[in-house]
Protein backbone atom coordinates (compact mmCIF):
# COMPACT_ATOMS: atom_id res chain seq x y z
CA MET A 1 0.00 0.00 0.00
CA PRO A 2 1.55 3.33 -0.98
CA LYS A 3 2.48 5.84 1.72
CA GLU A 4 0.27 8.83 2.24
CA SER A 5 1.82 11.95 0.75
CA LYS A 6 2.45 14.73 3.24
CA GLY A 7 1.63 18.34 2.55
CA LYS A 8 4.57 20.69 2.05
CA ARG A 9 5.29 23.17 4.76
CA ASN A 10 5.79 26.86 4.11
CA SER A 11 4.13 26.74 0.72
CA ALA A 12 4.47 29.78 -1.50
CA GLY A 13 1.05 31.01 -0.46
CA HIS A 14 1.94 31.10 3.26
CA GLN A 15 5.34 32.85 3.36
CA SER A 16 4.41 35.39 6.01
CA SER A 17 7.77 35.22 7.79
CA PRO A 18 10.86 37.01 6.42
CA TYR A 19 12.71 33.75 7.12
CA ALA A 20 10.59 32.00 4.47
CA ALA A 21 11.60 29.06 2.35
CA VAL A 22 13.70 30.05 -0.64
CA PRO A 23 13.44 28.25 -4.03
CA LYS A 24 16.35 26.00 -4.96
CA SER A 25 17.12 28.26 -7.88
CA HIS A 26 18.31 30.83 -5.37
CA ALA A 27 21.57 30.66 -3.48
CA ALA A 28 21.63 27.70 -1.11
CA ASN A 29 22.62 29.81 1.89
CA ALA A 30 20.01 32.53 1.39
CA ILE A 31 17.99 32.46 4.61
CA PHE A 32 15.78 35.51 4.13
CA ARG A 33 14.78 38.00 1.50
CA MET A 34 17.11 40.98 1.06
CA LYS A 35 15.71 44.49 1.31
CA THR A 36 17.26 46.03 -1.77
CA ASP A 37 15.22 49.20 -1.23
CA ILE A 38 17.54 50.03 1.70
CA GLY A 39 20.68 48.98 -0.15
CA GLN A 40 21.10 45.40 1.09
CA HIS A 41 23.63 43.92 -1.32
CA VAL A 42 25.87 41.60 0.68
CA LEU A 43 29.51 41.31 -0.40
CA LYS A 44 29.97 37.56 -0.92
CA ASN A 45 33.48 37.36 -2.43
CA PRO A 46 35.95 36.63 0.43
CA GLY A 47 38.88 37.73 -1.72
CA VAL A 48 37.38 41.18 -2.25
CA ALA A 49 36.53 41.45 1.46
CA GLN A 50 40.13 40.63 2.36
CA ALA A 51 41.45 43.19 -0.12
CA ILE A 52 39.27 45.91 1.41
CA VAL A 53 40.56 45.13 4.89
CA ASP A 54 44.17 45.09 3.67
CA LYS A 55 43.76 48.55 2.08
CA ALA A 56 42.65 49.95 5.45
CA GLY A 57 46.08 49.24 6.99
CA LEU A 58 44.61 48.13 10.32
CA LYS A 59 46.60 47.94 13.54
CA GLN A 60 46.00 45.57 16.43
CA SER A 61 45.00 48.54 18.60
CA ASP A 62 42.39 49.92 16.17
CA ILE A 63 38.68 50.34 16.88
CA VAL A 64 36.79 50.02 13.58
CA LEU A 65 33.38 51.47 12.75
CA GLU A 66 31.69 49.26 10.15
CA VAL A 67 28.56 50.60 8.46
CA GLY A 68 26.16 48.00 7.12
CA PRO A 69 27.84 44.72 8.15
CA GLY A 70 25.12 42.59 6.54
CA THR A 71 25.71 38.93 7.33
CA GLY A 72 29.23 39.60 8.57
CA ASN A 73 31.42 38.50 5.64
CA LEU A 74 33.51 41.66 5.95
CA THR A 75 33.17 41.85 9.74
CA VAL A 76 34.98 38.57 10.41
CA LYS A 77 37.90 39.70 8.24
CA ILE A 78 38.17 42.96 10.21
CA LEU A 79 38.08 41.13 13.55
CA GLU A 80 41.16 39.16 12.52
CA LYS A 81 43.24 42.35 12.53
CA ALA A 82 41.51 44.94 14.76
CA LYS A 83 41.06 45.28 18.49
CA LYS A 84 37.31 45.90 18.25
CA VAL A 85 34.56 46.32 15.65
CA ILE A 86 31.52 48.54 16.19
CA ALA A 87 29.01 47.41 13.56
CA VAL A 88 26.03 49.68 12.85
CA GLU A 89 23.11 47.93 11.16
CA LEU A 90 19.65 49.25 10.30
CA ASP A 91 17.99 45.85 9.82
CA PRO A 92 17.57 43.80 13.06
CA ARG A 93 17.63 40.57 11.02
CA MET A 94 21.11 41.37 9.73
CA ALA A 95 22.24 42.40 13.21
CA ALA A 96 21.18 38.96 14.46
CA GLU A 97 23.08 37.24 11.64
CA VAL A 98 26.37 39.05 12.21
CA THR A 99 26.08 38.34 15.94
CA LYS A 100 25.58 34.62 15.26
CA ARG A 101 28.71 34.55 13.08
CA VAL A 102 30.91 35.01 16.14
CA GLN A 103 28.70 33.50 18.83
CA GLY A 104 30.70 31.25 21.15
CA LYS A 105 34.03 32.45 19.70
CA PRO A 106 36.66 34.73 21.28
CA GLU A 107 35.81 37.38 18.66
CA ALA A 108 32.37 37.82 20.21
CA GLN A 109 33.92 39.87 23.02
CA ARG A 110 35.37 42.29 20.47
CA LEU A 111 32.21 42.86 18.44
CA GLU A 112 29.59 45.46 19.35
CA VAL A 113 26.48 45.64 17.19
CA LEU A 114 24.38 48.81 17.20
CA ILE A 115 20.93 48.80 15.58
CA GLY A 116 19.82 52.09 14.03
CA ASP A 117 20.42 54.74 11.36
CA VAL A 118 24.13 55.53 11.27
CA CYS A 119 23.46 59.04 9.92
CA LYS A 120 21.26 59.97 12.89
CA MET A 121 22.87 58.27 15.87
CA GLU A 122 25.72 59.54 18.00
CA TRP A 123 28.99 57.84 17.08
CA PRO A 124 31.34 56.29 19.62
CA TYR A 125 35.09 56.75 19.29
CA PHE A 126 36.74 54.87 16.40
CA ASP A 127 40.06 54.94 14.56
CA VAL A 128 39.07 53.56 11.14
CA CYS A 129 35.81 53.35 9.20
CA ILE A 130 35.16 50.47 6.79
CA SER A 131 31.85 50.28 4.98
CA ASN A 132 30.04 48.41 2.24
CA THR A 133 27.96 51.56 2.05
CA PRO A 134 24.25 51.41 1.19
CA TYR A 135 24.07 53.65 -1.87
CA GLN A 136 21.19 55.71 -0.45
CA ILE A 137 23.36 57.13 2.36
CA SER A 138 26.60 57.63 0.43
CA SER A 139 26.46 61.43 0.52
CA PRO A 140 25.35 62.03 4.15
CA LEU A 141 27.74 59.37 5.46
CA THR A 142 30.69 60.90 3.59
CA THR A 143 29.83 64.41 4.75
CA ARG A 144 29.59 63.31 8.36
CA LEU A 145 32.88 61.42 8.20
CA LEU A 146 34.62 64.50 6.82
CA SER A 147 33.29 66.73 9.61
CA HIS A 148 33.60 64.19 12.44
CA GLN A 149 35.85 65.03 15.38
CA PRO A 150 38.19 63.47 16.25
CA ALA A 151 38.84 62.60 12.63
CA PRO A 152 39.40 58.91 11.84
CA ARG A 153 42.83 57.88 10.62
CA THR A 154 41.43 56.46 7.39
CA CYS A 155 38.13 55.40 5.79
CA VAL A 156 37.76 52.63 3.20
CA LEU A 157 34.30 52.83 1.66
CA THR A 158 32.46 50.99 -1.12
CA TYR A 159 30.34 53.26 -3.29
CA GLN A 160 28.38 53.23 -6.51
CA GLN A 161 30.99 53.71 -9.24
CA GLU A 162 29.58 57.04 -10.48
CA PHE A 163 29.57 58.41 -6.94
CA ALA A 164 33.19 57.33 -6.44
CA GLN A 165 34.13 59.10 -9.66
CA ARG A 166 32.57 62.31 -8.38
CA LEU A 167 34.63 62.09 -5.19
CA THR A 168 37.88 61.98 -7.15
CA ALA A 169 36.87 64.30 -10.04
CA SER A 170 39.01 67.32 -10.91
CA SER A 171 37.85 70.63 -12.35
CA ALA A 172 38.53 69.28 -15.85
CA SER A 173 35.93 66.53 -15.40
CA SER A 174 32.23 66.74 -16.20
CA LEU A 175 31.57 65.03 -12.82
CA TYR A 176 33.26 67.86 -10.88
CA SER A 177 30.83 69.03 -8.19
CA ARG A 178 30.34 70.38 -4.69
CA LEU A 179 30.88 66.84 -3.44
CA SER A 180 34.29 66.71 -5.15
CA LEU A 181 35.47 69.96 -3.56
CA ASN A 182 34.14 69.20 -0.09
CA THR A 183 35.82 65.81 -0.05
CA GLN A 184 39.16 66.96 -1.47
CA MET A 185 39.30 69.97 0.84
CA PHE A 186 39.20 67.89 4.01
CA ALA A 187 40.71 64.56 2.92
CA HIS A 188 43.14 62.92 0.54
CA VAL A 189 41.04 60.80 -1.83
CA ALA A 190 42.23 57.74 -3.76
CA HIS A 191 40.42 55.18 -5.87
CA VAL A 192 41.35 51.70 -4.64
CA MET A 193 39.61 49.20 -6.92
CA LYS A 194 36.47 48.35 -8.86
CA ILE A 195 34.03 45.65 -7.77
CA GLY A 196 31.80 43.88 -10.30
CA LYS A 197 28.11 43.25 -9.74
CA ALA A 198 28.63 39.48 -9.45
CA ASN A 199 30.53 39.94 -6.17
CA PHE A 200 27.31 40.92 -4.38
CA LYS A 201 24.18 39.03 -3.43
CA PRO A 202 21.75 40.04 -4.80
CA PRO A 203 23.69 41.77 -7.63
CA PRO A 204 23.08 45.55 -7.73
CA ALA A 205 22.05 47.31 -10.93
CA VAL A 206 25.30 49.31 -11.08
CA GLU A 207 29.04 48.73 -10.76
CA SER A 208 30.83 49.60 -7.51
CA SER A 209 34.18 51.06 -6.50
CA VAL A 210 36.23 51.20 -3.32
CA VAL A 211 37.60 54.60 -2.25
CA ARG A 212 40.06 55.43 0.53
CA LEU A 213 39.65 58.75 2.37
CA VAL A 214 42.49 59.95 4.60
CA PRO A 215 41.43 63.07 6.55
CA LYS A 216 44.02 65.85 6.34
CA ARG A 217 46.12 66.49 9.44
CA PRO A 218 46.08 69.12 10.66
CA ARG A 219 42.50 69.72 9.64
CA PRO A 220 42.07 72.85 7.44
CA GLN A 221 41.17 75.82 9.64
CA LEU A 222 37.92 76.35 7.83
CA ASP A 223 34.32 76.48 8.95
CA PHE A 224 32.73 73.54 7.13
CA ASP A 225 29.23 75.08 7.14
CA GLU A 226 30.57 78.37 5.76
CA TRP A 227 32.58 76.62 3.04
CA ASP A 228 29.72 74.30 2.09
CA GLY A 229 27.29 77.22 2.04
CA LEU A 230 29.39 78.98 -0.59
CA LEU A 231 29.71 75.84 -2.72
CA ARG A 232 26.00 75.14 -2.44
CA ILE A 233 25.28 78.50 -4.09
CA VAL A 234 27.77 78.25 -6.96
CA PHE A 235 27.13 74.59 -7.78
CA VAL A 236 23.33 74.81 -8.01
CA ARG A 237 24.07 75.55 -11.67
CA LYS A 238 27.78 74.96 -12.13
CA ASN A 239 27.74 76.16 -15.76
CA LYS A 240 26.53 79.65 -14.86
CA THR A 241 29.01 82.46 -14.34
CA LEU A 242 29.61 83.41 -10.74
CA ARG A 243 28.14 86.84 -11.49
CA SER A 244 24.84 85.19 -12.45
CA SER A 245 24.98 82.74 -9.56
CA PHE A 246 25.16 85.62 -7.09
CA LEU A 247 23.87 88.88 -8.55
CA GLY A 248 21.41 87.26 -10.95
CA THR A 249 19.64 85.13 -8.34
CA THR A 250 17.21 86.92 -6.04
CA THR A 251 17.03 84.16 -3.44
CA VAL A 252 20.81 84.19 -3.07
CA MET A 253 20.94 87.95 -2.60
CA ASP A 254 18.10 87.78 -0.07
CA LEU A 255 20.03 85.17 1.87
CA LEU A 256 23.27 87.17 1.82
CA GLU A 257 21.42 90.31 2.88
CA ALA A 258 19.88 88.50 5.86
CA ASN A 259 23.27 87.06 6.82
CA TYR A 260 24.88 90.50 6.51
CA LYS A 261 22.31 92.00 8.87
CA THR A 262 22.99 89.21 11.37
CA TRP A 263 26.74 89.79 11.09
CA CYS A 264 26.30 93.54 11.66
CA THR A 265 24.22 92.86 14.77
CA GLN A 266 26.78 90.43 16.19
CA ASN A 267 29.69 92.80 15.53
CA ASN A 268 27.98 96.05 16.61
CA VAL A 269 28.14 97.50 13.09
CA SER A 270 25.47 100.04 12.30
CA LEU A 271 23.53 99.28 9.14
CA GLU A 272 23.34 102.99 8.44
CA ASP A 273 27.14 103.26 8.21
CA GLY A 274 27.95 103.27 4.56
CA ALA A 275 24.50 102.09 3.56
CA GLY A 276 24.26 104.85 1.02
CA GLU A 277 27.78 104.47 -0.33
CA GLU A 278 26.83 101.81 -2.89
CA LYS A 279 24.39 102.97 -5.57
CA GLU A 280 23.16 100.79 -8.42
CA GLU A 281 21.61 101.88 -11.66
CA VAL A 282 18.41 100.28 -12.89
CA ASN A 283 20.08 98.68 -15.91
CA MET A 284 22.43 96.73 -13.60
CA ALA A 285 19.57 94.30 -13.05
CA ILE A 286 19.60 93.51 -16.76
CA ASP A 287 23.33 92.72 -16.67
CA ASP A 288 22.70 90.19 -13.92
CA VAL A 289 20.33 88.04 -15.99
CA GLN A 290 21.81 84.75 -17.18
CA PRO A 291 22.76 84.73 -20.89
CA GLU A 292 20.56 82.53 -23.05
CA ASN A 293 23.47 80.44 -24.37
CA GLU A 294 24.17 79.16 -20.87
CA GLN A 295 20.94 77.14 -20.81
CA SER A 296 22.28 74.50 -23.19
CA LEU A 297 25.31 74.07 -20.97
CA GLU A 298 23.12 73.59 -17.91
CA ASP A 299 21.14 70.86 -19.67
CA GLU A 300 24.35 68.89 -20.10
CA GLU A 301 25.04 68.77 -16.37
CA TRP A 302 25.13 65.18 -15.07
CA LYS A 303 22.30 64.46 -12.69
CA GLY A 304 22.95 61.37 -10.53
CA ILE A 305 20.65 59.80 -7.98
CA ASN A 306 23.17 60.37 -5.22
CA ASP A 307 23.83 63.74 -3.62
CA VAL A 308 21.50 65.81 -5.85
CA ASP A 309 22.18 69.48 -5.11
CA MET A 310 19.14 71.38 -3.82
CA GLU A 311 17.86 74.44 -5.62
CA MET A 312 18.59 77.60 -3.68
CA ASP A 313 14.99 78.74 -3.66
CA GLU A 314 13.90 75.39 -2.24
CA MET A 315 16.57 75.63 0.46
CA LEU A 316 15.38 79.08 1.42
CA ARG A 317 11.74 77.98 1.57
CA GLU A 318 12.72 75.22 3.97
CA LYS A 319 14.65 77.70 6.06
CA ASP A 320 12.07 80.43 6.52
CA GLY A 321 8.82 79.01 5.11
CA THR A 322 8.53 81.62 2.35
CA LYS A 323 7.50 80.96 -1.24
CA SER A 324 9.63 81.81 -4.24
CA LYS A 325 8.64 84.85 -6.31
CA PRO A 326 7.91 84.85 -10.05
CA ALA A 327 10.80 85.99 -12.23
CA ALA A 328 9.16 89.30 -13.13
CA ALA A 329 8.50 90.13 -9.51
CA SER A 330 12.08 89.21 -8.64
CA LEU A 331 13.47 91.63 -11.22
CA GLY A 332 11.27 94.39 -9.91
CA LYS A 333 12.37 93.69 -6.38
CA ARG A 334 16.01 94.06 -7.38
CA LYS A 335 15.28 97.46 -8.88
CA ARG A 336 13.46 98.60 -5.75
CA GLY A 337 16.05 97.20 -3.30
CA GLY A 338 16.61 99.21 -0.15
CA LYS A 339 19.87 100.71 1.04
CA VAL A 340 21.08 97.54 2.77
CA ALA A 341 20.27 95.44 -0.30
CA GLN A 342 22.20 97.90 -2.49
CA LEU A 343 25.12 97.83 -0.06
CA VAL A 344 25.29 94.04 -0.10
CA ARG A 345 25.04 93.90 -3.88
CA GLY A 346 27.82 96.43 -4.16
CA LYS A 347 30.04 94.40 -1.84
CA VAL A 348 29.41 91.18 -3.77
CA ARG A 349 30.06 92.91 -7.09
CA ARG A 350 33.32 94.42 -5.77
CA VAL A 351 34.51 91.00 -4.58
CA LEU A 352 33.69 89.26 -7.85
CA GLU A 353 35.03 91.91 -10.21
CA ASP A 354 37.78 93.77 -8.36
CA LYS A 355 39.14 91.60 -5.56
CA THR A 356 39.07 88.14 -7.15
CA GLY A 357 38.36 88.67 -10.86
CA LEU A 358 36.09 85.62 -10.84
CA ALA A 359 32.89 87.29 -12.04
CA ASP A 360 32.98 85.72 -15.50
CA ARG A 361 34.30 82.33 -14.40
CA ARG A 362 32.00 79.34 -14.05
CA ALA A 363 32.00 77.07 -11.01
CA ARG A 364 33.09 74.09 -13.09
CA GLN A 365 36.20 76.05 -14.12
CA CYS A 366 37.28 77.05 -10.59
CA ASP A 367 39.51 75.00 -8.32
CA GLU A 368 39.94 74.83 -4.57
CA GLY A 369 42.25 77.87 -4.48
CA ASP A 370 39.76 80.04 -6.40
CA PHE A 371 36.94 79.27 -3.98
CA LEU A 372 39.17 79.88 -0.97
CA ARG A 373 40.07 83.32 -2.33
CA LEU A 374 36.39 84.02 -2.97
CA LEU A 375 35.34 82.95 0.52
CA LEU A 376 38.08 85.02 2.17
CA ALA A 377 37.19 88.14 0.17
CA MET A 378 33.48 87.74 0.94
CA ASN A 379 34.15 87.31 4.67
CA GLN A 380 36.35 90.43 4.68
CA GLU A 381 33.35 92.36 3.35
CA GLY A 382 31.10 90.93 6.06
CA ILE A 383 29.36 88.51 3.66
CA HIS A 384 28.81 85.06 5.19
CA PHE A 385 27.12 81.83 4.07
CA SER A 386 26.20 79.94 7.23
């Protein structure tokens, strides 16, 4: 008599648990579904993981911050060379997996797993950062690492290839951006190696690259918010001339005027002093308008999904809750500007044309030295960006 057939457990119609049965066509060791929407692409090649750790130059006394440990393939390699690993993981399932990798082993005493958003939590002390970075947080993570104090000795980070190219881009490259300047101002940047899609599970849609960031020592004596505020203005449209980026943009001039008033208040400078010294003619507003032939250049600007620069008017609306004005109203406002507005415009024009000679240069043509000169000259006139 034939045996009674038994019903299959965890049939496809009842996979309510994330630890559901996986078809045989998938990888044999896949124990749960990956959340690719939060950048879960686990590095599965042990040779690549070892190469990343070797490039970090770890010491036996190092405390390593690892962002996105996943199932721990990279974590176990780091533990072989470092004193301690602090692994920050957003997904509790992954945190449980990396903990199980070292359970019952001596390495378990040297692994600390933190569950949460690495961009929002307070960081403990660490010497080195190693990360198979989720692509969605590439920009905020990099920015925070650059501004973190005390600065780590080195950071070895895996990025989307296009993002890595932007980090290392020079002013001659079409990928040159605010991200390039911010990174290269505060750290030495080097491309380490490329990683193919097949080295991840599941494979991402794009190629990846490993980049090493070594923060500069001593750290440049520069206010990061002030520096980034300047770059945010000029790189909103990097193909515009600096004259148009400043004098031809009402929201920018409104921002600089507000900052100038704040600076005067903090430094006991009367707004009436010299407020009538700078006079502008009505036709100056026409000179500030962006030439038509610049529009085609703007359309060529690369627009990636990572680190998309905000429009200045949007940034200002978020700051003070105001709405942007139509172009016609903006032009009229410039003509009717008060004494303080005229004073600020005169200062900006003097810096661009007389002090730095950068008025007709475009942001994509300027290097680190040009922007440092511009920032210094603006600050000397009482114009600030933070």
